[in-house]
Amino acid sequence: MFWSTAGPPMLPGAYNNNIRITQTAGYVVILNEMIHDARIVPLDGRPFGDVRQWMGVSRGRWEGNTLVIETRNFTDKTSFFGSGPNMKLKERFTRVAADMLLYEFTVDDPASFTRPWTVQFPMTRSNEYMFEYACHEGNYSIANALQSARAQERASGEAPNTTK
């Protein structure tokens, strides 16, 4: 199995690492540029329930200046480095400077790991634009596609239409 979302938890990749965190009354929204996932995390203390979701069910709270998000109820189709559907994940977002958050997550899944393990890394504020994540195979083969179309036009005796 593979992890085909941008979290939770979130790990930096080769590109499209921007995230946008927005807080509204009673919710935090985390929008990931990579794979354009958006998590809407209630902050009102509601229970997790029994529904299982691809990205789990997240609930958040504030501990001082740290946003803590707990996520449970993953499906058997998701796996994070070998975790199972009963993984419990705790993420912590702590502002450590005006332009930096410390992101930390702890994976707890006794069925898959001998003990909980934690990862942390800084997230630096950026003014970069967020872009849609999409695969465009044509971007790599556009030159070949155009050359093929011109060759077909020459073979059929048609002149390329340059008035469009």
N, C-alpha and C. Protein backbone atom coordinates (compact mmCIF):
# COMPACT_ATOMS: atom_id res chain seq x y z
N MET A 1 0.84 -1.18 0.00
CA MET A 1 0.00 0.00 0.00
C MET A 1 0.89 1.24 0.00
N PHE A 2 0.30 2.35 -0.39
CA PHE A 2 1.06 3.58 -0.41
C PHE A 2 0.20 4.71 0.11
N TRP A 3 0.85 5.77 0.50
CA TRP A 3 0.17 6.94 1.03
C TRP A 3 0.02 7.91 -0.12
N SER A 4 -1.20 8.07 -0.62
CA SER A 4 -1.37 8.88 -1.82
C SER A 4 -2.07 10.20 -1.54
N THR A 5 -2.00 10.65 -0.32
CA THR A 5 -2.53 11.97 0.02
C THR A 5 -1.39 12.80 0.57
N ALA A 6 -1.67 14.01 0.88
CA ALA A 6 -0.65 14.88 1.47
C ALA A 6 -0.75 14.85 2.99
N GLY A 7 -1.35 13.86 3.52
CA GLY A 7 -1.43 13.71 4.96
C GLY A 7 -2.84 13.44 5.41
N PRO A 8 -3.00 13.28 6.67
CA PRO A 8 -2.02 13.40 7.72
C PRO A 8 -1.23 12.11 7.91
N PRO A 9 -0.04 12.18 8.44
CA PRO A 9 0.75 13.38 8.67
C PRO A 9 1.30 13.94 7.37
N MET A 10 1.86 15.10 7.46
CA MET A 10 2.42 15.76 6.28
C MET A 10 3.93 15.62 6.28
N LEU A 11 4.47 15.22 5.15
CA LEU A 11 5.91 15.14 4.97
C LEU A 11 6.30 15.96 3.74
N PRO A 12 7.43 16.66 3.80
CA PRO A 12 7.85 17.41 2.62
C PRO A 12 8.27 16.47 1.51
N GLY A 13 8.00 16.90 0.29
CA GLY A 13 8.39 16.12 -0.88
C GLY A 13 9.32 16.93 -1.76
N ALA A 14 9.43 16.51 -3.01
CA ALA A 14 10.35 17.16 -3.93
C ALA A 14 9.83 18.52 -4.41
N TYR A 15 8.52 18.71 -4.38
CA TYR A 15 7.92 19.95 -4.87
C TYR A 15 6.51 20.08 -4.30
N ASN A 16 5.87 21.20 -4.53
CA ASN A 16 4.50 21.46 -4.07
C ASN A 16 4.37 21.26 -2.56
N ASN A 17 5.27 21.83 -1.78
CA ASN A 17 5.25 21.65 -0.33
C ASN A 17 4.49 22.73 0.42
N ASN A 18 3.84 23.64 -0.28
CA ASN A 18 3.14 24.72 0.42
C ASN A 18 1.87 24.20 1.08
N ILE A 19 1.59 24.74 2.25
CA ILE A 19 0.32 24.48 2.92
C ILE A 19 -0.23 25.82 3.37
N ARG A 20 -1.53 25.87 3.50
CA ARG A 20 -2.19 27.07 4.02
C ARG A 20 -3.04 26.63 5.20
N ILE A 21 -2.82 27.26 6.35
CA ILE A 21 -3.60 26.96 7.55
C ILE A 21 -4.49 28.16 7.80
N THR A 22 -5.79 27.90 7.89
CA THR A 22 -6.76 28.97 8.12
C THR A 22 -7.61 28.59 9.33
N GLN A 23 -7.78 29.52 10.24
CA GLN A 23 -8.64 29.26 11.39
C GLN A 23 -9.91 30.09 11.24
N THR A 24 -11.04 29.45 11.44
CA THR A 24 -12.33 30.12 11.47
C THR A 24 -12.94 29.86 12.84
N ALA A 25 -14.12 30.35 13.06
CA ALA A 25 -14.79 30.10 14.34
C ALA A 25 -15.09 28.61 14.46
N GLY A 26 -14.38 27.91 15.32
CA GLY A 26 -14.65 26.51 15.58
C GLY A 26 -13.95 25.50 14.69
N TYR A 27 -13.16 25.96 13.71
CA TYR A 27 -12.50 25.03 12.80
C TYR A 27 -11.12 25.55 12.42
N VAL A 28 -10.26 24.60 12.03
CA VAL A 28 -9.00 24.90 11.37
C VAL A 28 -9.03 24.15 10.05
N VAL A 29 -8.64 24.82 8.98
CA VAL A 29 -8.57 24.18 7.67
C VAL A 29 -7.10 24.14 7.25
N ILE A 30 -6.64 22.96 6.87
CA ILE A 30 -5.27 22.78 6.40
C ILE A 30 -5.36 22.37 4.94
N LEU A 31 -4.92 23.26 4.06
CA LEU A 31 -4.95 23.01 2.62
C LEU A 31 -3.53 22.70 2.17
N ASN A 32 -3.36 21.53 1.56
CA ASN A 32 -2.07 21.11 1.04
C ASN A 32 -2.00 21.36 -0.44
N GLU A 33 -0.90 21.96 -0.89
CA GLU A 33 -0.71 22.15 -2.32
C GLU A 33 -0.55 20.81 -3.03
N MET A 34 0.21 19.91 -2.43
CA MET A 34 0.43 18.59 -3.03
C MET A 34 -0.84 17.76 -2.92
N ILE A 35 -1.35 17.34 -4.02
CA ILE A 35 -2.55 16.54 -4.14
C ILE A 35 -3.79 17.31 -3.66
N HIS A 36 -3.66 18.58 -3.42
CA HIS A 36 -4.73 19.52 -3.08
C HIS A 36 -5.74 18.99 -2.07
N ASP A 37 -5.26 18.31 -1.04
CA ASP A 37 -6.14 17.86 0.03
C ASP A 37 -6.43 19.02 0.97
N ALA A 38 -7.65 19.06 1.46
CA ALA A 38 -8.02 20.04 2.49
C ALA A 38 -8.63 19.29 3.65
N ARG A 39 -8.07 19.50 4.83
CA ARG A 39 -8.64 18.90 6.04
C ARG A 39 -9.38 19.98 6.79
N ILE A 40 -10.61 19.70 7.14
CA ILE A 40 -11.40 20.61 7.96
C ILE A 40 -11.47 19.98 9.34
N VAL A 41 -10.83 20.63 10.32
CA VAL A 41 -10.65 20.05 11.64
C VAL A 41 -11.51 20.81 12.65
N PRO A 42 -12.54 20.16 13.21
CA PRO A 42 -13.34 20.83 14.23
C PRO A 42 -12.53 21.03 15.52
N LEU A 43 -12.80 22.13 16.19
CA LEU A 43 -12.12 22.45 17.45
C LEU A 43 -13.08 22.41 18.64
N ASP A 44 -14.28 21.86 18.44
CA ASP A 44 -15.33 21.96 19.45
C ASP A 44 -15.42 20.78 20.40
N GLY A 45 -14.47 19.86 20.35
CA GLY A 45 -14.46 18.74 21.29
C GLY A 45 -15.40 17.60 20.95
N ARG A 46 -15.96 17.59 19.75
CA ARG A 46 -16.87 16.51 19.38
C ARG A 46 -16.16 15.17 19.35
N PRO A 47 -16.89 14.07 19.53
CA PRO A 47 -16.25 12.74 19.52
C PRO A 47 -15.79 12.35 18.11
N PHE A 48 -14.94 11.34 18.05
CA PHE A 48 -14.43 10.86 16.76
C PHE A 48 -15.48 10.06 16.00
N GLY A 49 -16.37 9.37 16.70
CA GLY A 49 -17.37 8.54 16.04
C GLY A 49 -16.77 7.25 15.52
N ASP A 50 -17.54 6.55 14.69
CA ASP A 50 -17.13 5.24 14.18
C ASP A 50 -16.82 5.23 12.69
N VAL A 51 -17.06 6.33 12.00
CA VAL A 51 -16.85 6.39 10.56
C VAL A 51 -15.34 6.40 10.27
N ARG A 52 -14.93 5.58 9.30
CA ARG A 52 -13.53 5.54 8.89
C ARG A 52 -13.39 6.27 7.57
N GLN A 53 -12.32 7.05 7.46
CA GLN A 53 -12.10 7.83 6.25
C GLN A 53 -10.66 7.65 5.79
N TRP A 54 -10.44 7.89 4.49
CA TRP A 54 -9.12 7.73 3.88
C TRP A 54 -8.05 8.49 4.66
N MET A 55 -8.36 9.74 5.02
CA MET A 55 -7.40 10.56 5.78
C MET A 55 -7.71 10.56 7.27
N GLY A 56 -8.53 9.62 7.72
CA GLY A 56 -8.88 9.53 9.12
C GLY A 56 -9.87 10.62 9.52
N VAL A 57 -10.17 10.66 10.79
CA VAL A 57 -11.07 11.66 11.36
C VAL A 57 -10.23 12.50 12.32
N SER A 58 -10.17 13.80 12.08
CA SER A 58 -9.31 14.69 12.86
C SER A 58 -10.14 15.55 13.81
N ARG A 59 -9.59 15.77 15.00
CA ARG A 59 -10.17 16.67 15.99
C ARG A 59 -9.04 17.51 16.56
N GLY A 60 -9.28 18.81 16.74
CA GLY A 60 -8.22 19.69 17.20
C GLY A 60 -8.56 20.43 18.48
N ARG A 61 -7.54 20.96 19.09
CA ARG A 61 -7.68 21.78 20.30
C ARG A 61 -6.41 22.63 20.45
N TRP A 62 -6.53 23.67 21.21
CA TRP A 62 -5.37 24.51 21.51
C TRP A 62 -4.82 24.15 22.87
N GLU A 63 -3.51 23.99 22.96
CA GLU A 63 -2.79 23.86 24.23
C GLU A 63 -1.83 25.04 24.28
N GLY A 64 -2.26 26.13 24.89
CA GLY A 64 -1.47 27.36 24.88
C GLY A 64 -1.37 27.86 23.45
N ASN A 65 -0.13 28.05 22.97
CA ASN A 65 0.06 28.53 21.59
C ASN A 65 0.31 27.40 20.60
N THR A 66 -0.01 26.18 21.00
CA THR A 66 0.20 25.01 20.14
C THR A 66 -1.15 24.44 19.71
N LEU A 67 -1.32 24.29 18.40
CA LEU A 67 -2.49 23.61 17.87
C LEU A 67 -2.18 22.12 17.88
N VAL A 68 -3.03 21.34 18.55
CA VAL A 68 -2.86 19.89 18.63
C VAL A 68 -4.01 19.25 17.87
N ILE A 69 -3.68 18.39 16.92
CA ILE A 69 -4.69 17.69 16.14
C ILE A 69 -4.48 16.19 16.31
N GLU A 70 -5.52 15.51 16.76
CA GLU A 70 -5.49 14.06 16.86
C GLU A 70 -6.33 13.48 15.74
N THR A 71 -5.81 12.44 15.10
CA THR A 71 -6.51 11.80 13.99
C THR A 71 -6.56 10.30 14.23
N ARG A 72 -7.75 9.75 14.05
CA ARG A 72 -8.00 8.31 14.21
C ARG A 72 -8.92 7.87 13.08
N ASN A 73 -9.34 6.63 13.12
CA ASN A 73 -10.34 6.08 12.21
C ASN A 73 -9.89 6.10 10.75
N PHE A 74 -8.66 5.68 10.51
CA PHE A 74 -8.19 5.51 9.14
C PHE A 74 -8.83 4.25 8.56
N THR A 75 -8.75 4.08 7.26
CA THR A 75 -9.29 2.87 6.64
C THR A 75 -8.19 1.83 6.48
N ASP A 76 -8.59 0.65 6.06
CA ASP A 76 -7.60 -0.39 5.79
C ASP A 76 -6.91 -0.17 4.45
N LYS A 77 -7.30 0.86 3.73
CA LYS A 77 -6.68 1.20 2.45
C LYS A 77 -5.57 2.24 2.60
N THR A 78 -5.41 2.77 3.78
CA THR A 78 -4.35 3.75 4.00
C THR A 78 -3.30 3.13 4.92
N SER A 79 -2.07 3.48 4.64
CA SER A 79 -0.97 2.96 5.43
C SER A 79 0.14 4.00 5.42
N PHE A 80 0.61 4.35 6.57
CA PHE A 80 1.71 5.29 6.67
C PHE A 80 2.93 4.54 7.17
N PHE A 81 3.86 4.24 6.28
CA PHE A 81 5.07 3.48 6.59
C PHE A 81 4.74 2.17 7.30
N GLY A 82 3.67 1.51 6.87
CA GLY A 82 3.32 0.22 7.42
C GLY A 82 2.29 0.24 8.53
N SER A 83 1.72 1.39 8.82
CA SER A 83 0.71 1.46 9.88
C SER A 83 -0.58 0.80 9.43
N GLY A 84 -1.42 0.49 10.39
CA GLY A 84 -2.72 -0.11 10.11
C GLY A 84 -3.84 0.88 10.32
N PRO A 85 -5.08 0.45 10.14
CA PRO A 85 -6.22 1.35 10.25
C PRO A 85 -6.47 1.86 11.66
N ASN A 86 -5.84 1.26 12.66
CA ASN A 86 -6.05 1.71 14.04
C ASN A 86 -4.96 2.65 14.53
N MET A 87 -4.15 3.13 13.61
CA MET A 87 -3.13 4.11 13.97
C MET A 87 -3.79 5.33 14.61
N LYS A 88 -3.14 5.85 15.63
CA LYS A 88 -3.53 7.12 16.23
C LYS A 88 -2.40 8.09 15.95
N LEU A 89 -2.77 9.24 15.45
CA LEU A 89 -1.78 10.23 15.06
C LEU A 89 -2.02 11.51 15.86
N LYS A 90 -0.95 12.08 16.38
CA LYS A 90 -1.05 13.36 17.07
C LYS A 90 -0.09 14.34 16.38
N GLU A 91 -0.64 15.44 15.89
CA GLU A 91 0.17 16.49 15.25
C GLU A 91 0.17 17.71 16.16
N ARG A 92 1.29 18.40 16.17
CA ARG A 92 1.44 19.63 16.97
C ARG A 92 2.03 20.71 16.08
N PHE A 93 1.39 21.86 16.05
CA PHE A 93 1.86 23.03 15.31
C PHE A 93 2.13 24.12 16.33
N THR A 94 3.41 24.47 16.52
CA THR A 94 3.79 25.47 17.52
C THR A 94 4.52 26.61 16.83
N ARG A 95 4.05 27.83 17.04
CA ARG A 95 4.75 28.99 16.48
C ARG A 95 6.01 29.22 17.31
N VAL A 96 7.16 29.15 16.65
CA VAL A 96 8.45 29.35 17.33
C VAL A 96 9.11 30.65 16.92
N ALA A 97 8.60 31.30 15.88
CA ALA A 97 9.09 32.61 15.42
C ALA A 97 7.97 33.22 14.59
N ALA A 98 8.09 34.49 14.29
CA ALA A 98 7.04 35.17 13.52
C ALA A 98 6.82 34.50 12.16
N ASP A 99 7.86 33.89 11.61
CA ASP A 99 7.74 33.28 10.28
C ASP A 99 7.99 31.78 10.29
N MET A 100 7.81 31.12 11.46
CA MET A 100 8.11 29.70 11.52
C MET A 100 7.20 28.96 12.49
N LEU A 101 6.73 27.79 12.04
CA LEU A 101 6.03 26.84 12.89
C LEU A 101 6.92 25.62 13.06
N LEU A 102 6.87 25.02 14.23
CA LEU A 102 7.50 23.72 14.43
C LEU A 102 6.38 22.70 14.27
N TYR A 103 6.51 21.82 13.29
CA TYR A 103 5.52 20.78 13.04
C TYR A 103 6.07 19.48 13.61
N GLU A 104 5.26 18.81 14.40
CA GLU A 104 5.66 17.56 15.02
C GLU A 104 4.50 16.58 14.93
N PHE A 105 4.80 15.35 14.59
CA PHE A 105 3.74 14.34 14.64
C PHE A 105 4.26 13.08 15.30
N THR A 106 3.34 12.39 16.00
CA THR A 106 3.65 11.14 16.67
C THR A 106 2.70 10.07 16.15
N VAL A 107 3.27 8.97 15.69
CA VAL A 107 2.52 7.82 15.20
C VAL A 107 2.46 6.80 16.32
N ASP A 108 1.23 6.38 16.66
CA ASP A 108 1.03 5.38 17.71
C ASP A 108 0.16 4.27 17.13
N ASP A 109 0.77 3.11 16.89
CA ASP A 109 0.05 1.96 16.34
C ASP A 109 0.73 0.70 16.85
N PRO A 110 0.32 0.22 18.05
CA PRO A 110 0.98 -0.95 18.65
C PRO A 110 0.92 -2.21 17.77
N ALA A 111 -0.07 -2.30 16.88
CA ALA A 111 -0.16 -3.48 16.01
C ALA A 111 0.91 -3.46 14.92
N SER A 112 1.48 -2.28 14.64
CA SER A 112 2.45 -2.15 13.55
C SER A 112 3.85 -1.80 14.01
N PHE A 113 3.97 -1.12 15.15
CA PHE A 113 5.28 -0.65 15.62
C PHE A 113 5.46 -1.02 17.09
N THR A 114 6.71 -1.22 17.49
CA THR A 114 6.98 -1.63 18.87
C THR A 114 6.73 -0.51 19.87
N ARG A 115 6.79 0.73 19.40
CA ARG A 115 6.52 1.87 20.29
C ARG A 115 6.16 3.08 19.42
N PRO A 116 5.51 4.09 19.99
CA PRO A 116 5.22 5.31 19.22
C PRO A 116 6.52 5.97 18.77
N TRP A 117 6.45 6.66 17.64
CA TRP A 117 7.62 7.38 17.14
C TRP A 117 7.20 8.76 16.66
N THR A 118 8.16 9.68 16.74
CA THR A 118 7.87 11.10 16.51
C THR A 118 8.84 11.68 15.49
N VAL A 119 8.31 12.57 14.66
CA VAL A 119 9.09 13.32 13.67
C VAL A 119 8.78 14.79 13.88
N GLN A 120 9.78 15.64 13.73
CA GLN A 120 9.52 17.08 13.78
C GLN A 120 10.43 17.81 12.80
N PHE A 121 9.88 18.89 12.25
CA PHE A 121 10.66 19.74 11.36
C PHE A 121 10.01 21.11 11.30
N PRO A 122 10.79 22.13 10.93
CA PRO A 122 10.25 23.49 10.87
C PRO A 122 9.47 23.71 9.58
N MET A 123 8.47 24.56 9.67
CA MET A 123 7.73 25.03 8.51
C MET A 123 7.91 26.54 8.46
N THR A 124 8.51 27.02 7.39
CA THR A 124 8.80 28.45 7.25
C THR A 124 7.72 29.14 6.43
N ARG A 125 7.28 30.28 6.91
CA ARG A 125 6.26 31.06 6.19
C ARG A 125 6.80 31.46 4.83
N SER A 126 5.92 31.42 3.85
CA SER A 126 6.30 31.75 2.49
C SER A 126 5.23 32.64 1.87
N ASN A 127 5.64 33.49 0.97
CA ASN A 127 4.71 34.30 0.21
C ASN A 127 4.50 33.74 -1.20
N GLU A 128 4.95 32.51 -1.40
CA GLU A 128 4.81 31.87 -2.71
C GLU A 128 3.35 31.54 -2.99
N TYR A 129 3.00 31.49 -4.25
CA TYR A 129 1.66 31.09 -4.66
C TYR A 129 1.50 29.59 -4.50
N MET A 130 0.28 29.16 -4.24
CA MET A 130 -0.04 27.74 -4.26
C MET A 130 -0.60 27.41 -5.63
N PHE A 131 -0.17 26.30 -6.17
CA PHE A 131 -0.61 25.88 -7.50
C PHE A 131 -1.41 24.60 -7.40
N GLU A 132 -2.28 24.40 -8.38
CA GLU A 132 -3.02 23.16 -8.47
C GLU A 132 -2.04 22.02 -8.71
N TYR A 133 -2.22 20.95 -8.01
CA TYR A 133 -1.42 19.76 -8.25
C TYR A 133 -2.15 18.93 -9.29
N ALA A 134 -1.55 18.70 -10.41
CA ALA A 134 -2.17 17.89 -11.45
C ALA A 134 -1.07 17.33 -12.34
N CYS A 135 -1.30 16.14 -12.81
CA CYS A 135 -0.37 15.51 -13.74
C CYS A 135 -0.77 15.88 -15.15
N HIS A 136 0.14 16.40 -15.90
CA HIS A 136 -0.10 16.78 -17.28
C HIS A 136 0.95 16.10 -18.15
N GLU A 137 0.69 14.87 -18.50
CA GLU A 137 1.66 14.11 -19.28
C GLU A 137 1.98 14.82 -20.59
N GLY A 138 1.01 15.57 -21.14
CA GLY A 138 1.23 16.29 -22.38
C GLY A 138 2.36 17.30 -22.28
N ASN A 139 2.65 17.77 -21.09
CA ASN A 139 3.75 18.73 -20.92
C ASN A 139 5.08 18.12 -21.38
N TYR A 140 5.23 16.83 -21.21
CA TYR A 140 6.48 16.18 -21.57
C TYR A 140 6.53 15.79 -23.04
N SER A 141 5.36 15.55 -23.60
CA SER A 141 5.35 15.03 -24.96
C SER A 141 4.76 16.01 -25.97
N ILE A 142 4.57 17.26 -25.59
CA ILE A 142 3.94 18.20 -26.50
C ILE A 142 4.76 18.38 -27.78
N ALA A 143 6.06 18.41 -27.66
CA ALA A 143 6.90 18.56 -28.87
C ALA A 143 6.68 17.38 -29.81
N ASN A 144 6.65 16.16 -29.27
CA ASN A 144 6.41 14.98 -30.11
C ASN A 144 5.01 15.00 -30.71
N ALA A 145 4.02 15.41 -29.93
CA ALA A 145 2.65 15.46 -30.44
C ALA A 145 2.55 16.45 -31.60
N LEU A 146 3.19 17.61 -31.47
CA LEU A 146 3.14 18.60 -32.55
C LEU A 146 3.92 18.13 -33.78
N GLN A 147 5.08 17.51 -33.57
CA GLN A 147 5.84 16.99 -34.70
C GLN A 147 5.05 15.91 -35.43
N SER A 148 4.36 15.06 -34.70
CA SER A 148 3.55 14.01 -35.32
C SER A 148 2.41 14.61 -36.12
N ALA A 149 1.76 15.63 -35.58
CA ALA A 149 0.66 16.28 -36.30
C ALA A 149 1.15 16.92 -37.59
N ARG A 150 2.31 17.58 -37.54
CA ARG A 150 2.86 18.19 -38.76
C ARG A 150 3.23 17.12 -39.78
N ALA A 151 3.77 15.99 -39.31
CA ALA A 151 4.13 14.90 -40.23
C ALA A 151 2.88 14.32 -40.88
N GLN A 152 1.81 14.17 -40.11
CA GLN A 152 0.55 13.67 -40.68
C GLN A 152 0.00 14.66 -41.71
N GLU A 153 0.10 15.94 -41.42
CA GLU A 153 -0.38 16.95 -42.38
C GLU A 153 0.43 16.88 -43.68
N ARG A 154 1.76 16.75 -43.56
CA ARG A 154 2.59 16.66 -44.76
C ARG A 154 2.26 15.40 -45.56
N ALA A 155 2.06 14.30 -44.87
CA ALA A 155 1.77 13.03 -45.55
C ALA A 155 0.43 13.07 -46.28
N SER A 156 -0.52 13.82 -45.75
CA SER A 156 -1.84 13.89 -46.38
C SER A 156 -1.92 15.00 -47.41
N GLY A 157 -0.87 15.81 -47.51
CA GLY A 157 -0.87 16.90 -48.47
C GLY A 157 -1.57 18.14 -47.97
N GLU A 158 -2.02 18.12 -46.72
CA GLU A 158 -2.68 19.30 -46.16
C GLU A 158 -1.64 20.28 -45.65
N ALA A 159 -1.94 21.54 -45.81
CA ALA A 159 -1.08 22.56 -45.21
C ALA A 159 -1.57 22.83 -43.79
N PRO A 160 -0.67 23.06 -42.86
CA PRO A 160 -1.11 23.36 -41.48
C PRO A 160 -1.96 24.62 -41.48
N ASN A 161 -2.99 24.61 -40.65
CA ASN A 161 -3.88 25.76 -40.50
C ASN A 161 -3.27 26.72 -39.50
N THR A 162 -2.74 27.82 -39.98
CA THR A 162 -2.09 28.79 -39.11
C THR A 162 -2.95 30.02 -38.85
N THR A 163 -4.22 29.97 -39.28
CA THR A 163 -5.09 31.14 -39.09
C THR A 163 -5.84 31.09 -37.79
N LYS A 164 -5.78 30.01 -37.06
CA LYS A 164 -6.53 29.89 -35.81
C LYS A 164 -5.78 30.54 -34.67
